[in-house]
C-alpha atoms as a PDB file:
ATOM      1  CA  ALA A   1       8.148  19.256  57.980  1.00  0.00           C
ATOM      2  CA  PRO A   2       5.746  17.441  55.651  1.00  0.00           C
ATOM      3  CA  ALA A   3       4.724  13.967  56.699  1.00  0.00           C
ATOM      4  CA  PRO A   4       6.469  11.205  54.749  1.00  0.00           C
ATOM      5  CA  ALA A   5       4.363   9.428  52.154  1.00  0.00           C
ATOM      6  CA  ALA A   6       2.846   6.358  53.792  1.00  0.00           C
ATOM      7  CA  GLU A   7       3.018   3.749  51.088  1.00  0.00           C
ATOM      8  CA  ALA A   8       3.711   0.283  52.419  1.00  0.00           C
ATOM      9  CA  ALA A   9       2.186   0.147  55.899  1.00  0.00           C
ATOM     10  CA  ALA A  10      -1.016   2.164  55.583  1.00  0.00           C
ATOM     11  CA  PRO A  11      -4.084   0.734  53.852  1.00  0.00           C
ATOM     12  CA  ALA A  12      -4.931   2.350  50.545  1.00  0.00           C
ATOM     13  CA  ALA A  13      -6.790   5.639  50.874  1.00  0.00           C
ATOM     14  CA  ASP A  14      -9.790   4.216  49.044  1.00  0.00           C
ATOM     15  CA  ALA A  15     -10.341   1.355  51.523  1.00  0.00           C
ATOM     16  CA  LEU A  16     -12.636   2.665  54.274  1.00  0.00           C
ATOM     17  CA  ALA A  17     -13.894   1.018  57.423  1.00  0.00           C
ATOM     18  CA  ILE A  18     -17.623   1.201  58.059  1.00  0.00           C
ATOM     19  CA  GLU A  19     -17.824   1.544  61.838  1.00  0.00           C
ATOM     20  CA  MET A  20     -20.491   0.601  64.350  1.00  0.00           C
ATOM     21  CA  PRO A  21     -22.222   3.915  65.130  1.00  0.00           C
ATOM     22  CA  ALA A  22     -23.404   5.079  68.535  1.00  0.00           C
ATOM     23  CA  LEU A  23     -27.184   5.106  68.074  1.00  0.00           C
ATOM     24  CA  SER A  24     -27.835   6.435  71.573  1.00  0.00           C
ATOM     25  CA  SER A  25     -25.821   8.230  74.241  1.00  0.00           C
ATOM     26  CA  THR A  26     -25.655   5.067  76.362  1.00  0.00           C
ATOM     27  CA  MET A  27     -24.853   2.570  73.599  1.00  0.00           C
ATOM     28  CA  THR A  28     -21.496   0.788  73.953  1.00  0.00           C
ATOM     29  CA  GLU A  29     -22.030  -1.997  71.423  1.00  0.00           C
ATOM     30  CA  GLY A  30     -24.513  -2.926  68.746  1.00  0.00           C
ATOM     31  CA  LYS A  31     -25.713  -6.207  67.301  1.00  0.00           C
ATOM     32  CA  ILE A  32     -26.125  -6.494  63.561  1.00  0.00           C
ATOM     33  CA  VAL A  33     -29.641  -7.804  63.038  1.00  0.00           C
ATOM     34  CA  GLN A  34     -29.445  -7.781  59.241  1.00  0.00           C
ATOM     35  CA  TRP A  35     -27.145  -6.657  56.440  1.00  0.00           C
ATOM     36  CA  LEU A  36     -29.212  -4.820  53.807  1.00  0.00           C
ATOM     37  CA  LYS A  37     -26.232  -4.748  51.438  1.00  0.00           C
ATOM     38  CA  GLY A  38     -23.779  -7.525  50.688  1.00  0.00           C
ATOM     39  CA  VAL A  39     -20.230  -7.938  49.416  1.00  0.00           C
ATOM     40  CA  GLY A  40     -19.947  -6.468  45.941  1.00  0.00           C
ATOM     41  CA  ASP A  41     -22.965  -4.175  46.338  1.00  0.00           C
ATOM     42  CA  LYS A  42     -22.585  -0.521  45.373  1.00  0.00           C
ATOM     43  CA  VAL A  43     -23.671   1.864  48.108  1.00  0.00           C
ATOM     44  CA  GLU A  44     -24.359   5.569  47.946  1.00  0.00           C
ATOM     45  CA  ALA A  45     -24.107   7.948  50.890  1.00  0.00           C
ATOM     46  CA  GLY A  46     -27.490   7.787  52.628  1.00  0.00           C
ATOM     47  CA  ASP A  47     -28.279   4.183  51.610  1.00  0.00           C
ATOM     48  CA  ALA A  48     -29.435   1.963  54.475  1.00  0.00           C
ATOM     49  CA  ILE A  49     -26.756  -0.740  54.698  1.00  0.00           C
ATOM     50  CA  MET A  50     -27.546  -2.613  57.921  1.00  0.00           C
ATOM     51  CA  VAL A  51     -30.047  -2.930  60.757  1.00  0.00           C
ATOM     52  CA  VAL A  52     -28.459  -2.560  64.193  1.00  0.00           C
ATOM     53  CA  GLU A  53     -29.977  -3.495  67.551  1.00  0.00           C
ATOM     54  CA  SER A  54     -28.890  -1.004  70.196  1.00  0.00           C
ATOM     55  CA  ASP A  55     -29.741  -0.933  73.879  1.00  0.00           C
ATOM     56  CA  LYS A  56     -32.945   0.914  72.955  1.00  0.00           C
ATOM     57  CA  ALA A  57     -34.252  -0.171  69.517  1.00  0.00           C
ATOM     58  CA  ASP A  58     -33.482  -1.668  66.103  1.00  0.00           C
ATOM     59  CA  MET A  59     -32.435   1.029  63.652  1.00  0.00           C
ATOM     60  CA  ASP A  60     -31.394   1.231  60.016  1.00  0.00           C
ATOM     61  CA  VAL A  61     -27.844   2.517  59.637  1.00  0.00           C
ATOM     62  CA  GLU A  62     -26.927   4.533  56.562  1.00  0.00           C
ATOM     63  CA  ALA A  63     -23.656   4.688  54.658  1.00  0.00           C
ATOM     64  CA  PHE A  64     -21.746   7.952  54.973  1.00  0.00           C
ATOM     65  CA  GLU A  65     -19.568   7.308  51.928  1.00  0.00           C
ATOM     66  CA  GLU A  66     -20.174   5.853  48.511  1.00  0.00           C
ATOM     67  CA  GLY A  67     -18.344   2.813  47.240  1.00  0.00           C
ATOM     68  CA  TYR A  68     -18.565  -0.965  47.131  1.00  0.00           C
ATOM     69  CA  ILE A  69     -18.776  -3.318  50.100  1.00  0.00           C
ATOM     70  CA  ALA A  70     -15.586  -5.374  49.878  1.00  0.00           C
ATOM     71  CA  GLN A  71     -15.841  -7.321  53.122  1.00  0.00           C
ATOM     72  CA  ILE A  72     -18.281  -7.816  55.968  1.00  0.00           C
ATOM     73  CA  VAL A  73     -16.275  -8.042  59.192  1.00  0.00           C
ATOM     74  CA  THR A  74     -19.151  -8.508  61.652  1.00  0.00           C
ATOM     75  CA  ALA A  75     -21.735 -11.103  60.631  1.00  0.00           C
ATOM     76  CA  GLU A  76     -25.493 -10.921  61.188  1.00  0.00           C
ATOM     77  CA  GLY A  77     -26.258 -11.838  64.782  1.00  0.00           C
ATOM     78  CA  ASP A  78     -22.833 -10.730  66.024  1.00  0.00           C
ATOM     79  CA  ALA A  79     -22.147  -7.658  68.136  1.00  0.00           C
ATOM     80  CA  ALA A  80     -19.422  -5.031  67.751  1.00  0.00           C
ATOM     81  CA  GLN A  81     -18.223  -2.247  70.015  1.00  0.00           C
ATOM     82  CA  VAL A  82     -19.148   1.307  69.013  1.00  0.00           C
ATOM     83  CA  GLY A  83     -16.390   2.536  66.686  1.00  0.00           C
ATOM     84  CA  ALA A  84     -15.280  -0.955  65.645  1.00  0.00           C
ATOM     85  CA  ALA A  85     -15.085  -1.769  61.934  1.00  0.00           C
ATOM     86  CA  VAL A  86     -18.060  -3.886  60.831  1.00  0.00           C
ATOM     87  CA  ALA A  87     -17.347  -3.793  57.081  1.00  0.00           C
ATOM     88  CA  ILE A  88     -14.799  -2.535  54.555  1.00  0.00           C
ATOM     89  CA  LEU A  89     -15.813  -0.193  51.744  1.00  0.00           C
ATOM     90  CA  VAL A  90     -13.690   0.388  48.625  1.00  0.00           C
ATOM     91  CA  GLU A  91     -13.988   3.117  46.041  1.00  0.00           C
ATOM     92  CA  ASN A  92     -13.646   0.907  42.951  1.00  0.00           C
ATOM     93  CA  GLU A  93     -15.380  -2.384  42.225  1.00  0.00           C
ATOM     94  CA  ALA A  94     -12.042  -3.799  41.008  1.00  0.00           C
ATOM     95  CA  ASP A  95     -10.571  -3.378  44.517  1.00  0.00           C
ATOM     96  CA  ILE A  96     -13.039  -5.854  46.076  1.00  0.00           C
ATOM     97  CA  ALA A  97     -10.884  -8.831  45.026  1.00  0.00           C
ATOM     98  CA  ALA A  98      -7.777  -7.389  46.688  1.00  0.00           C
ATOM     99  CA  VAL A  99      -9.583  -6.962  49.990  1.00  0.00           C
ATOM    100  CA  ALA A 100     -11.266 -10.375  49.704  1.00  0.00           C
ATOM    101  CA  ALA A 101      -7.855 -11.974  49.094  1.00  0.00           C
ATOM    102  CA  GLY A 102      -6.823 -10.796  52.527  1.00  0.00           C
ATOM    103  CA  GLY A 103      -4.648  -7.938  51.384  1.00  0.00           C
ATOM    104  CA  GLY A 104      -6.799  -5.456  53.265  1.00  0.00           C
ATOM    105  CA  ALA A 105      -5.727  -2.811  50.782  1.00  0.00           C
ATOM    106  CA  PRO A 106      -6.064  -2.691  47.005  1.00  0.00           C
ATOM    107  CA  ALA A 107      -2.965  -2.837  44.830  1.00  0.00           C
ATOM    108  CA  ALA A 108      -1.535   0.524  43.819  1.00  0.00           C
ATOM    109  CA  ALA A 109      -2.176  -0.039  40.118  1.00  0.00           C
ATOM    110  CA  ALA A 110      -4.492  -2.600  38.576  1.00  0.00           C
ATOM    111  CA  PRO A 111      -3.601  -3.936  35.124  1.00  0.00           C
ATOM    112  CA  ALA A 112      -5.593  -2.344  32.323  1.00  0.00           C
END
């Protein structure tokens, strides 16, 4: 049977979590040394978005998706577990306000 349409509970499909990557086989958490992009910035896949300190070295981390940074969840100087969301990326610049307002997901239809 087809899965029911997830409308109310699930975040909008165009709100993506940027996760802390595993930069080495032994890394369990990373510290964000610096954000290279800020809220509202457009990012393209391959853009360096943050510098992460792992158990071995400081490394630039690239975006895997394109979009706009809507929220930074983990601040500079703070650590996050591998796989934890460190920022929220949205597809459309107009969706940044919805995420910033605490909705976590953009509205289904924005007024024209």
